[in-house]
Amino acid sequence: MQISVKEAQENLDQLLDRVENGENVLVTRDGKTVARIVPAKQGLSREERHAALERVRAMAPPRKPGEPTADRSHDDLYDEDGLPA
């Protein structure tokens, strides 16, 4: 759908209803497209977030034997009292 700025201002509520139902809207000024209104992307589900995290983890290089895990990688910076060495 293509609509002028003036028409968009006058019919914003109906326009947003159409966008909410999946329609993309091009807003024009003097016959030139100046904006595109598209439905907002919904957040990822828990399963989708977990799958994305697993894909990122799979790209990481394997940890070498004896190499500290991330939660222990900075231990050498602190003394036994937890103060900077």
PDB file of N, CA and C in Angstrom:
ATOM      1  N   MET A   1       0.843  -1.171   0.000  1.00  0.00           N
ATOM      2  CA  MET A   1       0.000   0.000   0.000  1.00  0.00           C
ATOM      3  C   MET A   1       0.891   1.239   0.000  1.00  0.00           C
ATOM      4  N   GLN A   2       0.458   2.255  -0.703  1.00  0.00           N
ATOM      5  CA  GLN A   2       1.181   3.521  -0.778  1.00  0.00           C
ATOM      6  C   GLN A   2       0.218   4.629  -0.379  1.00  0.00           C
ATOM      7  N   ILE A   3       0.686   5.546   0.466  1.00  0.00           N
ATOM      8  CA  ILE A   3      -0.186   6.594   0.975  1.00  0.00           C
ATOM      9  C   ILE A   3       0.631   7.875   1.162  1.00  0.00           C
ATOM     10  N   SER A   4       0.002   9.022   0.975  1.00  0.00           N
ATOM     11  CA  SER A   4       0.704  10.292   1.150  1.00  0.00           C
ATOM     12  C   SER A   4       0.829  10.610   2.641  1.00  0.00           C
ATOM     13  N   VAL A   5       1.742  11.499   2.959  1.00  0.00           N
ATOM     14  CA  VAL A   5       1.933  11.916   4.350  1.00  0.00           C
ATOM     15  C   VAL A   5       0.631  12.470   4.907  1.00  0.00           C
ATOM     16  N   LYS A   6      -0.037  13.305   4.136  1.00  0.00           N
ATOM     17  CA  LYS A   6      -1.298  13.923   4.589  1.00  0.00           C
ATOM     18  C   LYS A   6      -2.340  12.859   4.888  1.00  0.00           C
ATOM     19  N   GLU A   7      -2.500  11.892   3.978  1.00  0.00           N
ATOM     20  CA  GLU A   7      -3.470  10.817   4.196  1.00  0.00           C
ATOM     21  C   GLU A   7      -3.090   9.971   5.410  1.00  0.00           C
ATOM     22  N   ALA A   8      -1.793   9.735   5.581  1.00  0.00           N
ATOM     23  CA  ALA A   8      -1.325   8.950   6.725  1.00  0.00           C
ATOM     24  C   ALA A   8      -1.666   9.659   8.034  1.00  0.00           C
ATOM     25  N   GLN A   9      -1.462  10.973   8.069  1.00  0.00           N
ATOM     26  CA  GLN A   9      -1.784  11.744   9.272  1.00  0.00           C
ATOM     27  C   GLN A   9      -3.277  11.700   9.571  1.00  0.00           C
ATOM     28  N   GLU A  10      -4.075  11.803   8.556  1.00  0.00           N
ATOM     29  CA  GLU A  10      -5.530  11.839   8.735  1.00  0.00           C
ATOM     30  C   GLU A  10      -6.106  10.478   9.116  1.00  0.00           C
ATOM     31  N   ASN A  11      -5.439   9.401   8.738  1.00  0.00           N
ATOM     32  CA  ASN A  11      -5.973   8.049   8.938  1.00  0.00           C
ATOM     33  C   ASN A  11      -5.012   7.151   9.709  1.00  0.00           C
ATOM     34  N   LEU A  12      -4.263   7.722  10.625  1.00  0.00           N
ATOM     35  CA  LEU A  12      -3.211   6.969  11.304  1.00  0.00           C
ATOM     36  C   LEU A  12      -3.740   5.731  12.018  1.00  0.00           C
ATOM     37  N   ASP A  13      -4.864   5.845  12.697  1.00  0.00           N
ATOM     38  CA  ASP A  13      -5.394   4.710  13.444  1.00  0.00           C
ATOM     39  C   ASP A  13      -5.710   3.525  12.518  1.00  0.00           C
ATOM     40  N   GLN A  14      -6.390   3.798  11.413  1.00  0.00           N
ATOM     41  CA  GLN A  14      -6.725   2.740  10.459  1.00  0.00           C
ATOM     42  C   GLN A  14      -5.457   2.198   9.786  1.00  0.00           C
ATOM     43  N   LEU A  15      -4.530   3.094   9.525  1.00  0.00           N
ATOM     44  CA  LEU A  15      -3.263   2.706   8.905  1.00  0.00           C
ATOM     45  C   LEU A  15      -2.518   1.725   9.806  1.00  0.00           C
ATOM     46  N   LEU A  16      -2.454   2.030  11.093  1.00  0.00           N
ATOM     47  CA  LEU A  16      -1.772   1.145  12.030  1.00  0.00           C
ATOM     48  C   LEU A  16      -2.489  -0.193  12.176  1.00  0.00           C
ATOM     49  N   ASP A  17      -3.815  -0.191  12.060  1.00  0.00           N
ATOM     50  CA  ASP A  17      -4.553  -1.459  12.080  1.00  0.00           C
ATOM     51  C   ASP A  17      -4.114  -2.344  10.915  1.00  0.00           C
ATOM     52  N   ARG A  18      -3.962  -1.746   9.742  1.00  0.00           N
ATOM     53  CA  ARG A  18      -3.551  -2.513   8.563  1.00  0.00           C
ATOM     54  C   ARG A  18      -2.134  -3.055   8.731  1.00  0.00           C
ATOM     55  N   VAL A  19      -1.247  -2.208   9.277  1.00  0.00           N
ATOM     56  CA  VAL A  19       0.139  -2.638   9.503  1.00  0.00           C
ATOM     57  C   VAL A  19       0.166  -3.758  10.536  1.00  0.00           C
ATOM     58  N   GLU A  20      -0.627  -3.618  11.568  1.00  0.00           N
ATOM     59  CA  GLU A  20      -0.690  -4.647  12.611  1.00  0.00           C
ATOM     60  C   GLU A  20      -1.149  -5.988  12.045  1.00  0.00           C
ATOM     61  N   ASN A  21      -1.946  -5.936  10.993  1.00  0.00           N
ATOM     62  CA  ASN A  21      -2.418  -7.160  10.344  1.00  0.00           C
ATOM     63  C   ASN A  21      -1.451  -7.669   9.277  1.00  0.00           C
ATOM     64  N   GLY A  22      -0.247  -7.098   9.228  1.00  0.00           N
ATOM     65  CA  GLY A  22       0.789  -7.624   8.350  1.00  0.00           C
ATOM     66  C   GLY A  22       1.075  -6.852   7.086  1.00  0.00           C
ATOM     67  N   GLU A  23       0.343  -5.792   6.849  1.00  0.00           N
ATOM     68  CA  GLU A  23       0.538  -5.029   5.612  1.00  0.00           C
ATOM     69  C   GLU A  23       1.695  -4.031   5.764  1.00  0.00           C
ATOM     70  N   ASN A  24       2.501  -3.882   4.728  1.00  0.00           N
ATOM     71  CA  ASN A  24       3.560  -2.873   4.684  1.00  0.00           C
ATOM     72  C   ASN A  24       3.004  -1.636   3.998  1.00  0.00           C
ATOM     73  N   VAL A  25       3.380  -0.455   4.489  1.00  0.00           N
ATOM     74  CA  VAL A  25       2.861   0.796   3.940  1.00  0.00           C
ATOM     75  C   VAL A  25       4.023   1.699   3.560  1.00  0.00           C
ATOM     76  N   LEU A  26       3.983   2.215   2.355  1.00  0.00           N
ATOM     77  CA  LEU A  26       4.958   3.212   1.917  1.00  0.00           C
ATOM     78  C   LEU A  26       4.309   4.578   2.049  1.00  0.00           C
ATOM     79  N   VAL A  27       5.003   5.502   2.700  1.00  0.00           N
ATOM     80  CA  VAL A  27       4.499   6.860   2.877  1.00  0.00           C
ATOM     81  C   VAL A  27       5.259   7.759   1.910  1.00  0.00           C
ATOM     82  N   THR A  28       4.511   8.540   1.150  1.00  0.00           N
ATOM     83  CA  THR A  28       5.135   9.374   0.124  1.00  0.00           C
ATOM     84  C   THR A  28       4.908  10.859   0.392  1.00  0.00           C
ATOM     85  N   ARG A  29       5.847  11.661  -0.100  1.00  0.00           N
ATOM     86  CA  ARG A  29       5.721  13.113  -0.081  1.00  0.00           C
ATOM     87  C   ARG A  29       6.099  13.591  -1.479  1.00  0.00           C
ATOM     88  N   ASP A  30       5.222  14.317  -2.093  1.00  0.00           N
ATOM     89  CA  ASP A  30       5.443  14.802  -3.467  1.00  0.00           C
ATOM     90  C   ASP A  30       5.788  13.660  -4.412  1.00  0.00           C
ATOM     91  N   GLY A  31       5.136  12.510  -4.212  1.00  0.00           N
ATOM     92  CA  GLY A  31       5.331  11.362  -5.092  1.00  0.00           C
ATOM     93  C   GLY A  31       6.572  10.538  -4.824  1.00  0.00           C
ATOM     94  N   LYS A  32       7.380  10.924  -3.842  1.00  0.00           N
ATOM     95  CA  LYS A  32       8.603  10.186  -3.515  1.00  0.00           C
ATOM     96  C   LYS A  32       8.433   9.473  -2.173  1.00  0.00           C
ATOM     97  N   THR A  33       8.869   8.239  -2.122  1.00  0.00           N
ATOM     98  CA  THR A  33       8.771   7.475  -0.879  1.00  0.00           C
ATOM     99  C   THR A  33       9.711   8.065   0.160  1.00  0.00           C
ATOM    100  N   VAL A  34       9.154   8.373   1.341  1.00  0.00           N
ATOM    101  CA  VAL A  34       9.959   8.945   2.421  1.00  0.00           C
ATOM    102  C   VAL A  34      10.015   8.033   3.647  1.00  0.00           C
ATOM    103  N   ALA A  35       9.103   7.051   3.724  1.00  0.00           N
ATOM    104  CA  ALA A  35       9.097   6.166   4.888  1.00  0.00           C
ATOM    105  C   ALA A  35       8.402   4.864   4.540  1.00  0.00           C
ATOM    106  N   ARG A  36       8.726   3.863   5.301  1.00  0.00           N
ATOM    107  CA  ARG A  36       8.075   2.562   5.178  1.00  0.00           C
ATOM    108  C   ARG A  36       7.608   2.173   6.575  1.00  0.00           C
ATOM    109  N   ILE A  37       6.351   1.837   6.708  1.00  0.00           N
ATOM    110  CA  ILE A  37       5.814   1.376   7.989  1.00  0.00           C
ATOM    111  C   ILE A  37       5.581  -0.123   7.856  1.00  0.00           C
ATOM    112  N   VAL A  38       6.207  -0.873   8.730  1.00  0.00           N
ATOM    113  CA  VAL A  38       6.108  -2.336   8.694  1.00  0.00           C
ATOM    114  C   VAL A  38       5.730  -2.843  10.079  1.00  0.00           C
ATOM    115  N   PRO A  39       5.147  -4.031  10.142  1.00  0.00           N
ATOM    116  CA  PRO A  39       4.804  -4.585  11.455  1.00  0.00           C
ATOM    117  C   PRO A  39       6.058  -4.754  12.315  1.00  0.00           C
ATOM    118  N   ALA A  40       5.915  -4.487  13.605  1.00  0.00           N
ATOM    119  CA  ALA A  40       7.028  -4.668  14.533  1.00  0.00           C
ATOM    120  C   ALA A  40       7.321  -6.157  14.663  1.00  0.00           C
ATOM    121  N   LYS A  41       8.604  -6.474  14.670  1.00  0.00           N
ATOM    122  CA  LYS A  41       9.003  -7.871  14.815  1.00  0.00           C
ATOM    123  C   LYS A  41       8.828  -8.283  16.275  1.00  0.00           C
ATOM    124  N   GLN A  42       8.206  -9.410  16.461  1.00  0.00           N
ATOM    125  CA  GLN A  42       8.022  -9.929  17.811  1.00  0.00           C
ATOM    126  C   GLN A  42       9.323 -10.549  18.282  1.00  0.00           C
ATOM    127  N   GLY A  43       9.520 -10.571  19.584  1.00  0.00           N
ATOM    128  CA  GLY A  43      10.723 -11.167  20.158  1.00  0.00           C
ATOM    129  C   GLY A  43      10.794 -12.665  19.902  1.00  0.00           C
ATOM    130  N   LEU A  44      11.969 -13.216  20.069  1.00  0.00           N
ATOM    131  CA  LEU A  44      12.158 -14.639  19.877  1.00  0.00           C
ATOM    132  C   LEU A  44      11.584 -15.420  21.052  1.00  0.00           C
ATOM    133  N   SER A  45      11.117 -16.613  20.773  1.00  0.00           N
ATOM    134  CA  SER A  45      10.630 -17.475  21.847  1.00  0.00           C
ATOM    135  C   SER A  45      11.830 -18.028  22.624  1.00  0.00           C
ATOM    136  N   ARG A  46      11.574 -18.618  23.756  1.00  0.00           N
ATOM    137  CA  ARG A  46      12.634 -19.202  24.574  1.00  0.00           C
ATOM    138  C   ARG A  46      13.415 -20.244  23.774  1.00  0.00           C
ATOM    139  N   GLU A  47      12.711 -21.064  23.017  1.00  0.00           N
ATOM    140  CA  GLU A  47      13.355 -22.105  22.211  1.00  0.00           C
ATOM    141  C   GLU A  47      14.230 -21.499  21.119  1.00  0.00           C
ATOM    142  N   GLU A  48      13.741 -20.424  20.483  1.00  0.00           N
ATOM    143  CA  GLU A  48      14.522 -19.763  19.434  1.00  0.00           C
ATOM    144  C   GLU A  48      15.782 -19.121  20.014  1.00  0.00           C
ATOM    145  N   ARG A  49      15.672 -18.512  21.197  1.00  0.00           N
ATOM    146  CA  ARG A  49      16.851 -17.923  21.852  1.00  0.00           C
ATOM    147  C   ARG A  49      17.863 -18.998  22.210  1.00  0.00           C
ATOM    148  N   HIS A  50      17.369 -20.121  22.721  1.00  0.00           N
ATOM    149  CA  HIS A  50      18.264 -21.225  23.087  1.00  0.00           C
ATOM    150  C   HIS A  50      18.984 -21.773  21.845  1.00  0.00           C
ATOM    151  N   ALA A  51      18.252 -21.938  20.756  1.00  0.00           N
ATOM    152  CA  ALA A  51      18.851 -22.445  19.517  1.00  0.00           C
ATOM    153  C   ALA A  51      19.903 -21.469  18.992  1.00  0.00           C
ATOM    154  N   ALA A  52      19.631 -20.168  19.075  1.00  0.00           N
ATOM    155  CA  ALA A  52      20.602 -19.166  18.621  1.00  0.00           C
ATOM    156  C   ALA A  52      21.863 -19.224  19.474  1.00  0.00           C
ATOM    157  N   LEU A  53      21.707 -19.352  20.769  1.00  0.00           N
ATOM    158  CA  LEU A  53      22.854 -19.450  21.665  1.00  0.00           C
ATOM    159  C   LEU A  53      23.684 -20.697  21.350  1.00  0.00           C
ATOM    160  N   GLU A  54      23.037 -21.792  21.078  1.00  0.00           N
ATOM    161  CA  GLU A  54      23.758 -23.024  20.735  1.00  0.00           C
ATOM    162  C   GLU A  54      24.527 -22.865  19.423  1.00  0.00           C
ATOM    163  N   ARG A  55      23.954 -22.142  18.459  1.00  0.00           N
ATOM    164  CA  ARG A  55      24.659 -21.904  17.197  1.00  0.00           C
ATOM    165  C   ARG A  55      25.918 -21.078  17.428  1.00  0.00           C
ATOM    166  N   VAL A  56      25.827 -20.081  18.303  1.00  0.00           N
ATOM    167  CA  VAL A  56      26.999 -19.258  18.618  1.00  0.00           C
ATOM    168  C   VAL A  56      28.042 -20.096  19.339  1.00  0.00           C
ATOM    169  N   ARG A  57      27.618 -20.890  20.293  1.00  0.00           N
ATOM    170  CA  ARG A  57      28.562 -21.749  21.022  1.00  0.00           C
ATOM    171  C   ARG A  57      29.268 -22.722  20.084  1.00  0.00           C
ATOM    172  N   ALA A  58      28.551 -23.216  19.095  1.00  0.00           N
ATOM    173  CA  ALA A  58      29.139 -24.169  18.154  1.00  0.00           C
ATOM    174  C   ALA A  58      30.235 -23.516  17.303  1.00  0.00           C
ATOM    175  N   MET A  59      30.188 -22.200  17.136  1.00  0.00           N
ATOM    176  CA  MET A  59      31.200 -21.499  16.346  1.00  0.00           C
ATOM    177  C   MET A  59      32.484 -21.248  17.134  1.00  0.00           C
ATOM    178  N   ALA A  60      32.424 -21.329  18.453  1.00  0.00           N
ATOM    179  CA  ALA A  60      33.597 -21.052  19.287  1.00  0.00           C
ATOM    180  C   ALA A  60      34.633 -22.161  19.123  1.00  0.00           C
ATOM    181  N   PRO A  61      35.918 -21.803  19.154  1.00  0.00           N
ATOM    182  CA  PRO A  61      36.948 -22.841  19.059  1.00  0.00           C
ATOM    183  C   PRO A  61      36.914 -23.709  20.316  1.00  0.00           C
ATOM    184  N   PRO A  62      37.286 -24.975  20.199  1.00  0.00           N
ATOM    185  CA  PRO A  62      37.257 -25.844  21.371  1.00  0.00           C
ATOM    186  C   PRO A  62      38.287 -25.388  22.404  1.00  0.00           C
ATOM    187  N   ARG A  63      37.961 -25.597  23.677  1.00  0.00           N
ATOM    188  CA  ARG A  63      38.855 -25.227  24.765  1.00  0.00           C
ATOM    189  C   ARG A  63      39.978 -26.241  24.848  1.00  0.00           C
ATOM    190  N   LYS A  64      41.190 -25.746  25.048  1.00  0.00           N
ATOM    191  CA  LYS A  64      42.358 -26.614  25.150  1.00  0.00           C
ATOM    192  C   LYS A  64      42.372 -27.275  26.527  1.00  0.00           C
ATOM    193  N   PRO A  65      42.908 -28.487  26.628  1.00  0.00           N
ATOM    194  CA  PRO A  65      42.983 -29.152  27.926  1.00  0.00           C
ATOM    195  C   PRO A  65      43.764 -28.292  28.925  1.00  0.00           C
ATOM    196  N   GLY A  66      43.252 -28.170  30.131  1.00  0.00           N
ATOM    197  CA  GLY A  66      43.911 -27.394  31.162  1.00  0.00           C
ATOM    198  C   GLY A  66      43.630 -25.906  31.096  1.00  0.00           C
ATOM    199  N   GLU A  67      42.997 -25.438  30.030  1.00  0.00           N
ATOM    200  CA  GLU A  67      42.672 -24.024  29.877  1.00  0.00           C
ATOM    201  C   GLU A  67      41.516 -23.683  30.819  1.00  0.00           C
ATOM    202  N   PRO A  68      41.597 -22.536  31.515  1.00  0.00           N
ATOM    203  CA  PRO A  68      40.522 -22.206  32.459  1.00  0.00           C
ATOM    204  C   PRO A  68      39.211 -21.891  31.741  1.00  0.00           C
ATOM    205  N   THR A  69      38.124 -22.133  32.431  1.00  0.00           N
ATOM    206  CA  THR A  69      36.823 -21.754  31.888  1.00  0.00           C
ATOM    207  C   THR A  69      36.674 -20.242  32.036  1.00  0.00           C
ATOM    208  N   ALA A  70      35.674 -19.679  31.410  1.00  0.00           N
ATOM    209  CA  ALA A  70      35.490 -18.235  31.417  1.00  0.00           C
ATOM    210  C   ALA A  70      35.362 -17.678  32.836  1.00  0.00           C
ATOM    211  N   ASP A  71      34.707 -18.403  33.721  1.00  0.00           N
ATOM    212  CA  ASP A  71      34.528 -17.886  35.080  1.00  0.00           C
ATOM    213  C   ASP A  71      35.809 -17.912  35.901  1.00  0.00           C
ATOM    214  N   ARG A  72      36.864 -18.561  35.407  1.00  0.00           N
ATOM    215  CA  ARG A  72      38.146 -18.630  36.115  1.00  0.00           C
ATOM    216  C   ARG A  72      39.275 -17.982  35.327  1.00  0.00           C
ATOM    217  N   SER A  73      38.997 -17.383  34.189  1.00  0.00           N
ATOM    218  CA  SER A  73      40.044 -16.905  33.297  1.00  0.00           C
ATOM    219  C   SER A  73      40.815 -15.688  33.822  1.00  0.00           C
ATOM    220  N   HIS A  74      40.300 -15.010  34.830  1.00  0.00           N
ATOM    221  CA  HIS A  74      40.975 -13.828  35.359  1.00  0.00           C
ATOM    222  C   HIS A  74      41.490 -14.022  36.785  1.00  0.00           C
ATOM    223  N   ASP A  75      41.517 -15.255  37.256  1.00  0.00           N
ATOM    224  CA  ASP A  75      41.954 -15.519  38.628  1.00  0.00           C
ATOM    225  C   ASP A  75      43.380 -15.047  38.893  1.00  0.00           C
ATOM    226  N   ASP A  76      44.238 -15.097  37.875  1.00  0.00           N
ATOM    227  CA  ASP A  76      45.632 -14.704  38.078  1.00  0.00           C
ATOM    228  C   ASP A  76      45.791 -13.194  38.314  1.00  0.00           C
ATOM    229  N   LEU A  77      44.726 -12.411  38.121  1.00  0.00           N
ATOM    230  CA  LEU A  77      44.791 -10.969  38.331  1.00  0.00           C
ATOM    231  C   LEU A  77      44.553 -10.590  39.791  1.00  0.00           C
ATOM    232  N   TYR A  78      44.114 -11.544  40.611  1.00  0.00           N
ATOM    233  CA  TYR A  78      43.749 -11.248  41.994  1.00  0.00           C
ATOM    234  C   TYR A  78      44.499 -12.173  42.951  1.00  0.00           C
ATOM    235  N   ASP A  79      44.755 -11.664  44.172  1.00  0.00           N
ATOM    236  CA  ASP A  79      45.421 -12.512  45.159  1.00  0.00           C
ATOM    237  C   ASP A  79      44.391 -13.349  45.900  1.00  0.00           C
ATOM    238  N   GLU A  80      44.843 -14.088  46.898  1.00  0.00           N
ATOM    239  CA  GLU A  80      43.944 -15.007  47.606  1.00  0.00           C
ATOM    240  C   GLU A  80      42.852 -14.286  48.402  1.00  0.00           C
ATOM    241  N   ASP A  81      43.022 -12.973  48.645  1.00  0.00           N
ATOM    242  CA  ASP A  81      42.015 -12.186  49.345  1.00  0.00           C
ATOM    243  C   ASP A  81      41.022 -11.516  48.375  1.00  0.00           C
ATOM    244  N   GLY A  82      41.209 -11.740  47.093  1.00  0.00           N
ATOM    245  CA  GLY A  82      40.333 -11.163  46.096  1.00  0.00           C
ATOM    246  C   GLY A  82      40.687  -9.742  45.711  1.00  0.00           C
ATOM    247  N   LEU A  83      41.873  -9.289  46.143  1.00  0.00           N
ATOM    248  CA  LEU A  83      42.316  -7.941  45.803  1.00  0.00           C
ATOM    249  C   LEU A  83      43.206  -7.992  44.570  1.00  0.00           C
ATOM    250  N   PRO A  84      43.252  -6.905  43.807  1.00  0.00           N
ATOM    251  CA  PRO A  84      44.133  -6.899  42.623  1.00  0.00           C
ATOM    252  C   PRO A  84      45.570  -7.230  43.003  1.00  0.00           C
ATOM    253  N   ALA A  85      46.180  -8.096  42.237  1.00  0.00           N
ATOM    254  CA  ALA A  85      47.550  -8.522  42.511  1.00  0.00           C
ATOM    255  C   ALA A  85      48.549  -7.461  42.116  1.00  0.00           C
TER     256      ALA A  85
END
